[in-house]
mmCIF file of all heavy atoms, coordinates in Angstrom:
data_MODEL
# 
_entry.id   MODEL 
# 
loop_
_atom_site.group_PDB 
_atom_site.id 
_atom_site.type_symbol 
_atom_site.label_atom_id 
_atom_site.label_alt_id 
_atom_site.label_comp_id 
_atom_site.label_asym_id 
_atom_site.label_entity_id 
_atom_site.label_seq_id 
_atom_site.pdbx_PDB_ins_code 
_atom_site.Cartn_x 
_atom_site.Cartn_y 
_atom_site.Cartn_z 
_atom_site.occupancy 
_atom_site.B_iso_or_equiv 
_atom_site.pdbx_formal_charge 
_atom_site.auth_seq_id 
_atom_site.auth_comp_id 
_atom_site.auth_asym_id 
_atom_site.auth_atom_id 
_atom_site.pdbx_PDB_model_num 
ATOM 1   N N   . SER A 1 1  ? 38.011 10.672 48.332 1.00 0.00 ? 1  SER A N   1 
ATOM 2   C CA  . SER A 1 1  ? 38.797 9.456  48.502 1.00 0.00 ? 1  SER A CA  1 
ATOM 3   C C   . SER A 1 1  ? 38.020 8.179  48.192 1.00 0.00 ? 1  SER A C   1 
ATOM 4   O O   . SER A 1 1  ? 38.625 7.123  47.993 1.00 0.00 ? 1  SER A O   1 
ATOM 5   C CB  . SER A 1 1  ? 39.345 9.388  49.932 1.00 0.00 ? 1  SER A CB  1 
ATOM 6   O OG  . SER A 1 1  ? 38.292 9.393  50.878 1.00 0.00 ? 1  SER A OG  1 
ATOM 7   N N   . VAL A 1 2  ? 36.679 8.258  48.155 1.00 0.00 ? 2  VAL A N   1 
ATOM 8   C CA  . VAL A 1 2  ? 35.885 7.041  47.918 1.00 0.00 ? 2  VAL A CA  1 
ATOM 9   C C   . VAL A 1 2  ? 35.033 7.117  46.664 1.00 0.00 ? 2  VAL A C   1 
ATOM 10  O O   . VAL A 1 2  ? 34.347 6.150  46.324 1.00 0.00 ? 2  VAL A O   1 
ATOM 11  C CB  . VAL A 1 2  ? 34.994 6.718  49.138 1.00 0.00 ? 2  VAL A CB  1 
ATOM 12  C CG1 . VAL A 1 2  ? 35.818 6.654  50.410 1.00 0.00 ? 2  VAL A CG1 1 
ATOM 13  C CG2 . VAL A 1 2  ? 33.855 7.724  49.270 1.00 0.00 ? 2  VAL A CG2 1 
ATOM 14  N N   . LYS A 1 3  ? 35.072 8.233  45.964 1.00 0.00 ? 3  LYS A N   1 
ATOM 15  C CA  . LYS A 1 3  ? 34.260 8.383  44.748 1.00 0.00 ? 3  LYS A CA  1 
ATOM 16  C C   . LYS A 1 3  ? 34.602 7.291  43.748 1.00 0.00 ? 3  LYS A C   1 
ATOM 17  O O   . LYS A 1 3  ? 35.766 6.999  43.489 1.00 0.00 ? 3  LYS A O   1 
ATOM 18  C CB  . LYS A 1 3  ? 34.510 9.764  44.126 1.00 0.00 ? 3  LYS A CB  1 
ATOM 19  C CG  . LYS A 1 3  ? 33.720 10.878 44.746 1.00 0.00 ? 3  LYS A CG  1 
ATOM 20  C CD  . LYS A 1 3  ? 34.005 12.209 44.046 1.00 0.00 ? 3  LYS A CD  1 
ATOM 21  C CE  . LYS A 1 3  ? 33.256 13.342 44.698 1.00 0.00 ? 3  LYS A CE  1 
ATOM 22  N NZ  . LYS A 1 3  ? 33.581 14.656 44.093 1.00 0.00 ? 3  LYS A NZ  1 
ATOM 23  N N   . GLY A 1 4  ? 33.552 6.695  43.196 1.00 0.00 ? 4  GLY A N   1 
ATOM 24  C CA  . GLY A 1 4  ? 33.742 5.644  42.212 1.00 0.00 ? 4  GLY A CA  1 
ATOM 25  C C   . GLY A 1 4  ? 33.941 4.275  42.812 1.00 0.00 ? 4  GLY A C   1 
ATOM 26  O O   . GLY A 1 4  ? 33.938 3.268  42.092 1.00 0.00 ? 4  GLY A O   1 
ATOM 27  N N   . ARG A 1 5  ? 34.128 4.209  44.137 1.00 0.00 ? 5  ARG A N   1 
ATOM 28  C CA  . ARG A 1 5  ? 34.336 2.918  44.797 1.00 0.00 ? 5  ARG A CA  1 
ATOM 29  C C   . ARG A 1 5  ? 33.221 2.572  45.774 1.00 0.00 ? 5  ARG A C   1 
ATOM 30  O O   . ARG A 1 5  ? 32.880 1.408  45.941 1.00 0.00 ? 5  ARG A O   1 
ATOM 31  C CB  . ARG A 1 5  ? 35.671 2.913  45.557 1.00 0.00 ? 5  ARG A CB  1 
ATOM 32  C CG  . ARG A 1 5  ? 36.885 3.175  44.695 1.00 0.00 ? 5  ARG A CG  1 
ATOM 33  C CD  . ARG A 1 5  ? 38.186 2.961  45.476 1.00 0.00 ? 5  ARG A CD  1 
ATOM 34  N NE  . ARG A 1 5  ? 38.320 3.880  46.595 1.00 0.00 ? 5  ARG A NE  1 
ATOM 35  C CZ  . ARG A 1 5  ? 38.454 3.506  47.857 1.00 0.00 ? 5  ARG A CZ  1 
ATOM 36  N NH1 . ARG A 1 5  ? 38.456 2.217  48.174 1.00 0.00 ? 5  ARG A NH1 1 
ATOM 37  N NH2 . ARG A 1 5  ? 38.594 4.413  48.828 1.00 0.00 ? 5  ARG A NH2 1 
ATOM 38  N N   . PHE A 1 6  ? 32.662 3.584  46.429 1.00 0.00 ? 6  PHE A N   1 
ATOM 39  C CA  . PHE A 1 6  ? 31.613 3.375  47.425 1.00 0.00 ? 6  PHE A CA  1 
ATOM 40  C C   . PHE A 1 6  ? 30.277 3.876  46.886 1.00 0.00 ? 6  PHE A C   1 
ATOM 41  O O   . PHE A 1 6  ? 30.235 4.818  46.082 1.00 0.00 ? 6  PHE A O   1 
ATOM 42  C CB  . PHE A 1 6  ? 31.929 4.147  48.708 1.00 0.00 ? 6  PHE A CB  1 
ATOM 43  C CG  . PHE A 1 6  ? 33.083 3.613  49.515 1.00 0.00 ? 6  PHE A CG  1 
ATOM 44  C CD1 . PHE A 1 6  ? 33.958 2.659  49.022 1.00 0.00 ? 6  PHE A CD1 1 
ATOM 45  C CD2 . PHE A 1 6  ? 33.285 4.095  50.805 1.00 0.00 ? 6  PHE A CD2 1 
ATOM 46  C CE1 . PHE A 1 6  ? 35.014 2.192  49.768 1.00 0.00 ? 6  PHE A CE1 1 
ATOM 47  C CE2 . PHE A 1 6  ? 34.340 3.628  51.578 1.00 0.00 ? 6  PHE A CE2 1 
ATOM 48  C CZ  . PHE A 1 6  ? 35.210 2.678  51.054 1.00 0.00 ? 6  PHE A CZ  1 
ATOM 49  N N   . ALA A 1 7  ? 29.198 3.264  47.365 1.00 0.00 ? 7  ALA A N   1 
ATOM 50  C CA  . ALA A 1 7  ? 27.856 3.704  46.993 1.00 0.00 ? 7  ALA A CA  1 
ATOM 51  C C   . ALA A 1 7  ? 26.952 3.661  48.220 1.00 0.00 ? 7  ALA A C   1 
ATOM 52  O O   . ALA A 1 7  ? 26.807 2.614  48.853 1.00 0.00 ? 7  ALA A O   1 
ATOM 53  C CB  . ALA A 1 7  ? 27.295 2.820  45.886 1.00 0.00 ? 7  ALA A CB  1 
ATOM 54  N N   . ILE A 1 8  ? 26.358 4.802  48.532 1.00 0.00 ? 8  ILE A N   1 
ATOM 55  C CA  . ILE A 1 8  ? 25.414 4.888  49.637 1.00 0.00 ? 8  ILE A CA  1 
ATOM 56  C C   . ILE A 1 8  ? 23.996 4.743  49.089 1.00 0.00 ? 8  ILE A C   1 
ATOM 57  O O   . ILE A 1 8  ? 23.688 5.231  47.999 1.00 0.00 ? 8  ILE A O   1 
ATOM 58  C CB  . ILE A 1 8  ? 25.579 6.227  50.400 1.00 0.00 ? 8  ILE A CB  1 
ATOM 59  C CG1 . ILE A 1 8  ? 24.754 6.248  51.669 1.00 0.00 ? 8  ILE A CG1 1 
ATOM 60  C CG2 . ILE A 1 8  ? 25.279 7.425  49.500 1.00 0.00 ? 8  ILE A CG2 1 
ATOM 61  C CD1 . ILE A 1 8  ? 25.039 7.469  52.563 1.00 0.00 ? 8  ILE A CD1 1 
ATOM 62  N N   . SER A 1 9  ? 23.155 4.057  49.834 1.00 0.00 ? 9  SER A N   1 
ATOM 63  C CA  . SER A 1 9  ? 21.759 3.905  49.434 1.00 0.00 ? 9  SER A CA  1 
ATOM 64  C C   . SER A 1 9  ? 20.900 3.745  50.687 1.00 0.00 ? 9  SER A C   1 
ATOM 65  O O   . SER A 1 9  ? 21.424 3.549  51.787 1.00 0.00 ? 9  SER A O   1 
ATOM 66  C CB  . SER A 1 9  ? 21.588 2.695  48.508 1.00 0.00 ? 9  SER A CB  1 
ATOM 67  O OG  . SER A 1 9  ? 21.952 1.496  49.178 1.00 0.00 ? 9  SER A OG  1 
ATOM 68  N N   . ARG A 1 10 ? 19.611 3.832  50.493 1.00 0.00 ? 10 ARG A N   1 
ATOM 69  C CA  . ARG A 1 10 ? 18.700 3.729  51.623 1.00 0.00 ? 10 ARG A CA  1 
ATOM 70  C C   . ARG A 1 10 ? 17.452 2.968  51.217 1.00 0.00 ? 10 ARG A C   1 
ATOM 71  O O   . ARG A 1 10 ? 17.013 3.053  50.058 1.00 0.00 ? 10 ARG A O   1 
ATOM 72  C CB  . ARG A 1 10 ? 18.338 5.107  52.152 1.00 0.00 ? 10 ARG A CB  1 
ATOM 73  C CG  . ARG A 1 10 ? 17.583 6.009  51.179 1.00 0.00 ? 10 ARG A CG  1 
ATOM 74  C CD  . ARG A 1 10 ? 17.498 7.454  51.712 1.00 0.00 ? 10 ARG A CD  1 
ATOM 75  N NE  . ARG A 1 10 ? 16.827 7.515  52.999 1.00 0.00 ? 10 ARG A NE  1 
ATOM 76  C CZ  . ARG A 1 10 ? 16.966 8.533  53.851 1.00 0.00 ? 10 ARG A CZ  1 
ATOM 77  N NH1 . ARG A 1 10 ? 17.743 9.563  53.548 1.00 0.00 ? 10 ARG A NH1 1 
ATOM 78  N NH2 . ARG A 1 10 ? 16.317 8.514  54.997 1.00 0.00 ? 10 ARG A NH2 1 
ATOM 79  N N   . ASP A 1 11 ? 16.878 2.244  52.163 1.00 0.00 ? 11 ASP A N   1 
ATOM 80  C CA  . ASP A 1 11 ? 15.619 1.555  51.971 1.00 0.00 ? 11 ASP A CA  1 
ATOM 81  C C   . ASP A 1 11 ? 14.661 2.100  53.033 1.00 0.00 ? 11 ASP A C   1 
ATOM 82  O O   . ASP A 1 11 ? 14.696 1.677  54.190 1.00 0.00 ? 11 ASP A O   1 
ATOM 83  C CB  . ASP A 1 11 ? 15.805 0.041  52.121 1.00 0.00 ? 11 ASP A CB  1 
ATOM 84  C CG  . ASP A 1 11 ? 14.545 -0.745 51.823 1.00 0.00 ? 11 ASP A CG  1 
ATOM 85  O OD1 . ASP A 1 11 ? 13.444 -0.150 51.872 1.00 0.00 ? 11 ASP A OD1 1 
ATOM 86  O OD2 . ASP A 1 11 ? 14.656 -1.941 51.556 1.00 0.00 ? 11 ASP A OD2 1 
ATOM 87  N N   . ASN A 1 12 ? 13.838 3.032  52.646 1.00 0.00 ? 12 ASN A N   1 
ATOM 88  C CA  . ASN A 1 12 ? 12.942 3.671  53.611 1.00 0.00 ? 12 ASN A CA  1 
ATOM 89  C C   . ASN A 1 12 ? 11.880 2.706  54.139 1.00 0.00 ? 12 ASN A C   1 
ATOM 90  O O   . ASN A 1 12 ? 11.367 2.899  55.244 1.00 0.00 ? 12 ASN A O   1 
ATOM 91  C CB  . ASN A 1 12 ? 12.278 4.891  52.990 1.00 0.00 ? 12 ASN A CB  1 
ATOM 92  C CG  . ASN A 1 12 ? 13.254 6.043  52.773 1.00 0.00 ? 12 ASN A CG  1 
ATOM 93  O OD1 . ASN A 1 12 ? 14.299 6.129  53.427 1.00 0.00 ? 12 ASN A OD1 1 
ATOM 94  N ND2 . ASN A 1 12 ? 12.930 6.921  51.837 1.00 0.00 ? 12 ASN A ND2 1 
ATOM 95  N N   . ALA A 1 13 ? 11.539 1.688  53.385 1.00 0.00 ? 13 ALA A N   1 
ATOM 96  C CA  . ALA A 1 13 ? 10.564 0.701  53.862 1.00 0.00 ? 13 ALA A CA  1 
ATOM 97  C C   . ALA A 1 13 ? 11.138 -0.131 55.007 1.00 0.00 ? 13 ALA A C   1 
ATOM 98  O O   . ALA A 1 13 ? 10.384 -0.633 55.844 1.00 0.00 ? 13 ALA A O   1 
ATOM 99  C CB  . ALA A 1 13 ? 10.146 -0.203 52.721 1.00 0.00 ? 13 ALA A CB  1 
ATOM 100 N N   . ARG A 1 14 ? 12.463 -0.270 55.038 1.00 0.00 ? 14 ARG A N   1 
ATOM 101 C CA  . ARG A 1 14 ? 13.128 -1.056 56.076 1.00 0.00 ? 14 ARG A CA  1 
ATOM 102 C C   . ARG A 1 14 ? 13.877 -0.187 57.083 1.00 0.00 ? 14 ARG A C   1 
ATOM 103 O O   . ARG A 1 14 ? 14.538 -0.725 57.975 1.00 0.00 ? 14 ARG A O   1 
ATOM 104 C CB  . ARG A 1 14 ? 14.098 -2.050 55.441 1.00 0.00 ? 14 ARG A CB  1 
ATOM 105 C CG  . ARG A 1 14 ? 13.424 -3.179 54.672 1.00 0.00 ? 14 ARG A CG  1 
ATOM 106 C CD  . ARG A 1 14 ? 14.463 -4.147 54.100 1.00 0.00 ? 14 ARG A CD  1 
ATOM 107 N NE  . ARG A 1 14 ? 13.870 -5.385 53.651 1.00 0.00 ? 14 ARG A NE  1 
ATOM 108 C CZ  . ARG A 1 14 ? 13.278 -5.538 52.476 1.00 0.00 ? 14 ARG A CZ  1 
ATOM 109 N NH1 . ARG A 1 14 ? 13.199 -4.526 51.638 1.00 0.00 ? 14 ARG A NH1 1 
ATOM 110 N NH2 . ARG A 1 14 ? 12.755 -6.704 52.129 1.00 0.00 ? 14 ARG A NH2 1 
ATOM 111 N N   . ASP A 1 15 ? 13.774 1.142  56.926 1.00 0.00 ? 15 ASP A N   1 
ATOM 112 C CA  . ASP A 1 15 ? 14.485 2.051  57.836 1.00 0.00 ? 15 ASP A CA  1 
ATOM 113 C C   . ASP A 1 15 ? 15.972 1.681  57.922 1.00 0.00 ? 15 ASP A C   1 
ATOM 114 O O   . ASP A 1 15 ? 16.557 1.634  59.011 1.00 0.00 ? 15 ASP A O   1 
ATOM 115 C CB  . ASP A 1 15 ? 13.878 2.033  59.244 1.00 0.00 ? 15 ASP A CB  1 
ATOM 116 C CG  . ASP A 1 15 ? 12.496 2.665  59.304 1.00 0.00 ? 15 ASP A CG  1 
ATOM 117 O OD1 . ASP A 1 15 ? 12.099 3.299  58.311 1.00 0.00 ? 15 ASP A OD1 1 
ATOM 118 O OD2 . ASP A 1 15 ? 11.829 2.525  60.337 1.00 0.00 ? 15 ASP A OD2 1 
ATOM 119 N N   . THR A 1 16 ? 16.557 1.429  56.775 1.00 0.00 ? 16 THR A N   1 
ATOM 120 C CA  . THR A 1 16 ? 17.938 0.955  56.744 1.00 0.00 ? 16 THR A CA  1 
ATOM 121 C C   . THR A 1 16 ? 18.759 1.746  55.726 1.00 0.00 ? 16 THR A C   1 
ATOM 122 O O   . THR A 1 16 ? 18.301 2.017  54.617 1.00 0.00 ? 16 THR A O   1 
ATOM 123 C CB  . THR A 1 16 ? 17.997 -0.542 56.424 1.00 0.00 ? 16 THR A CB  1 
ATOM 124 O OG1 . THR A 1 16 ? 17.226 -1.265 57.393 1.00 0.00 ? 16 THR A OG1 1 
ATOM 125 C CG2 . THR A 1 16 ? 19.433 -1.048 56.466 1.00 0.00 ? 16 THR A CG2 1 
ATOM 126 N N   . LEU A 1 17 ? 19.965 2.058  56.142 1.00 0.00 ? 17 LEU A N   1 
ATOM 127 C CA  . LEU A 1 17 ? 20.943 2.739  55.304 1.00 0.00 ? 17 LEU A CA  1 
ATOM 128 C C   . LEU A 1 17 ? 22.036 1.734  54.945 1.00 0.00 ? 17 LEU A C   1 
ATOM 129 O O   . LEU A 1 17 ? 22.391 0.885  55.778 1.00 0.00 ? 17 LEU A O   1 
ATOM 130 C CB  . LEU A 1 17 ? 21.547 3.908  56.078 1.00 0.00 ? 17 LEU A CB  1 
ATOM 131 C CG  . LEU A 1 17 ? 22.601 4.755  55.397 1.00 0.00 ? 17 LEU A CG  1 
ATOM 132 C CD1 . LEU A 1 17 ? 21.964 5.641  54.322 1.00 0.00 ? 17 LEU A CD1 1 
ATOM 133 C CD2 . LEU A 1 17 ? 23.334 5.619  56.426 1.00 0.00 ? 17 LEU A CD2 1 
ATOM 134 N N   . TYR A 1 18 ? 22.577 1.845  53.727 1.00 0.00 ? 18 TYR A N   1 
ATOM 135 C CA  . TYR A 1 18 ? 23.610 0.925  53.271 1.00 0.00 ? 18 TYR A CA  1 
ATOM 136 C C   . TYR A 1 18 ? 24.832 1.681  52.762 1.00 0.00 ? 18 TYR A C   1 
ATOM 137 O O   . TYR A 1 18 ? 24.728 2.832  52.333 1.00 0.00 ? 18 TYR A O   1 
ATOM 138 C CB  . TYR A 1 18 ? 23.082 0.033  52.143 1.00 0.00 ? 18 TYR A CB  1 
ATOM 139 C CG  . TYR A 1 18 ? 21.893 -0.794 52.515 1.00 0.00 ? 18 TYR A CG  1 
ATOM 140 C CD1 . TYR A 1 18 ? 20.611 -0.405 52.123 1.00 0.00 ? 18 TYR A CD1 1 
ATOM 141 C CD2 . TYR A 1 18 ? 22.034 -1.961 53.247 1.00 0.00 ? 18 TYR A CD2 1 
ATOM 142 C CE1 . TYR A 1 18 ? 19.504 -1.162 52.471 1.00 0.00 ? 18 TYR A CE1 1 
ATOM 143 C CE2 . TYR A 1 18 ? 20.932 -2.733 53.598 1.00 0.00 ? 18 TYR A CE2 1 
ATOM 144 C CZ  . TYR A 1 18 ? 19.670 -2.325 53.204 1.00 0.00 ? 18 TYR A CZ  1 
ATOM 145 O OH  . TYR A 1 18 ? 18.572 -3.075 53.554 1.00 0.00 ? 18 TYR A OH  1 
ATOM 146 N N   . LEU A 1 19 ? 25.961 0.997  52.798 1.00 0.00 ? 19 LEU A N   1 
ATOM 147 C CA  . LEU A 1 19 ? 27.164 1.498  52.147 1.00 0.00 ? 19 LEU A CA  1 
ATOM 148 C C   . LEU A 1 19 ? 27.843 0.318  51.464 1.00 0.00 ? 19 LEU A C   1 
ATOM 149 O O   . LEU A 1 19 ? 28.382 -0.568 52.132 1.00 0.00 ? 19 LEU A O   1 
ATOM 150 C CB  . LEU A 1 19 ? 28.121 2.156  53.142 1.00 0.00 ? 19 LEU A CB  1 
ATOM 151 C CG  . LEU A 1 19 ? 29.349 2.813  52.506 1.00 0.00 ? 19 LEU A CG  1 
ATOM 152 C CD1 . LEU A 1 19 ? 28.938 4.043  51.682 1.00 0.00 ? 19 LEU A CD1 1 
ATOM 153 C CD2 . LEU A 1 19 ? 30.372 3.226  53.571 1.00 0.00 ? 19 LEU A CD2 1 
ATOM 154 N N   . GLN A 1 20 ? 27.784 0.305  50.142 1.00 0.00 ? 20 GLN A N   1 
ATOM 155 C CA  . GLN A 1 20 ? 28.487 -0.708 49.361 1.00 0.00 ? 20 GLN A CA  1 
ATOM 156 C C   . GLN A 1 20 ? 29.900 -0.208 49.104 1.00 0.00 ? 20 GLN A C   1 
ATOM 157 O O   . GLN A 1 20 ? 30.082 0.871  48.533 1.00 0.00 ? 20 GLN A O   1 
ATOM 158 C CB  . GLN A 1 20 ? 27.770 -0.963 48.043 1.00 0.00 ? 20 GLN A CB  1 
ATOM 159 C CG  . GLN A 1 20 ? 28.462 -1.964 47.139 1.00 0.00 ? 20 GLN A CG  1 
ATOM 160 C CD  . GLN A 1 20 ? 28.462 -3.364 47.723 1.00 0.00 ? 20 GLN A CD  1 
ATOM 161 O OE1 . GLN A 1 20 ? 27.451 -3.830 48.231 1.00 0.00 ? 20 GLN A OE1 1 
ATOM 162 N NE2 . GLN A 1 20 ? 29.603 -4.049 47.645 1.00 0.00 ? 20 GLN A NE2 1 
ATOM 163 N N   . MET A 1 21 ? 30.880 -0.981 49.540 1.00 0.00 ? 21 MET A N   1 
ATOM 164 C CA  . MET A 1 21 ? 32.270 -0.580 49.415 1.00 0.00 ? 21 MET A CA  1 
ATOM 165 C C   . MET A 1 21 ? 33.003 -1.575 48.523 1.00 0.00 ? 21 MET A C   1 
ATOM 166 O O   . MET A 1 21 ? 33.094 -2.757 48.861 1.00 0.00 ? 21 MET A O   1 
ATOM 167 C CB  . MET A 1 21 ? 32.935 -0.518 50.794 1.00 0.00 ? 21 MET A CB  1 
ATOM 168 C CG  . MET A 1 21 ? 32.206 0.369  51.787 1.00 0.00 ? 21 MET A CG  1 
ATOM 169 S SD  . MET A 1 21 ? 33.099 0.574  53.334 1.00 0.00 ? 21 MET A SD  1 
ATOM 170 C CE  . MET A 1 21 ? 33.075 -1.095 53.946 1.00 0.00 ? 21 MET A CE  1 
ATOM 171 N N   . ASN A 1 22 ? 33.493 -1.097 47.400 1.00 0.00 ? 22 ASN A N   1 
ATOM 172 C CA  . ASN A 1 22 ? 34.221 -1.925 46.448 1.00 0.00 ? 22 ASN A CA  1 
ATOM 173 C C   . ASN A 1 22 ? 35.661 -1.430 46.316 1.00 0.00 ? 22 ASN A C   1 
ATOM 174 O O   . ASN A 1 22 ? 35.986 -0.310 46.723 1.00 0.00 ? 22 ASN A O   1 
ATOM 175 C CB  . ASN A 1 22 ? 33.546 -1.884 45.082 1.00 0.00 ? 22 ASN A CB  1 
ATOM 176 C CG  . ASN A 1 22 ? 32.124 -2.415 45.115 1.00 0.00 ? 22 ASN A CG  1 
ATOM 177 O OD1 . ASN A 1 22 ? 31.805 -3.352 45.846 1.00 0.00 ? 22 ASN A OD1 1 
ATOM 178 N ND2 . ASN A 1 22 ? 31.262 -1.809 44.315 1.00 0.00 ? 22 ASN A ND2 1 
ATOM 179 N N   . SER A 1 23 ? 36.510 -2.256 45.742 1.00 0.00 ? 23 SER A N   1 
ATOM 180 C CA  . SER A 1 23 ? 37.919 -1.895 45.524 1.00 0.00 ? 23 SER A CA  1 
ATOM 181 C C   . SER A 1 23 ? 38.538 -1.319 46.790 1.00 0.00 ? 23 SER A C   1 
ATOM 182 O O   . SER A 1 23 ? 39.194 -0.265 46.765 1.00 0.00 ? 23 SER A O   1 
ATOM 183 C CB  . SER A 1 23 ? 38.033 -0.893 44.368 1.00 0.00 ? 23 SER A CB  1 
ATOM 184 O OG  . SER A 1 23 ? 37.482 -1.419 43.183 1.00 0.00 ? 23 SER A OG  1 
ATOM 185 N N   . LEU A 1 24 ? 38.335 -2.012 47.879 1.00 0.00 ? 24 LEU A N   1 
ATOM 186 C CA  . LEU A 1 24 ? 38.800 -1.498 49.162 1.00 0.00 ? 24 LEU A CA  1 
ATOM 187 C C   . LEU A 1 24 ? 40.325 -1.400 49.206 1.00 0.00 ? 24 LEU A C   1 
ATOM 188 O O   . LEU A 1 24 ? 41.038 -2.236 48.637 1.00 0.00 ? 24 LEU A O   1 
ATOM 189 C CB  . LEU A 1 24 ? 38.289 -2.376 50.298 1.00 0.00 ? 24 LEU A CB  1 
ATOM 190 C CG  . LEU A 1 24 ? 36.816 -2.126 50.666 1.00 0.00 ? 24 LEU A CG  1 
ATOM 191 C CD1 . LEU A 1 24 ? 36.233 -3.300 51.423 1.00 0.00 ? 24 LEU A CD1 1 
ATOM 192 C CD2 . LEU A 1 24 ? 36.682 -0.844 51.470 1.00 0.00 ? 24 LEU A CD2 1 
# 
């Protein structure tokens, strides 16, 4: 349901996980 619209990423130096959500 989110393929092509959402992108998960991580920054291990900052111990942080992200979720970029487009075309909501």
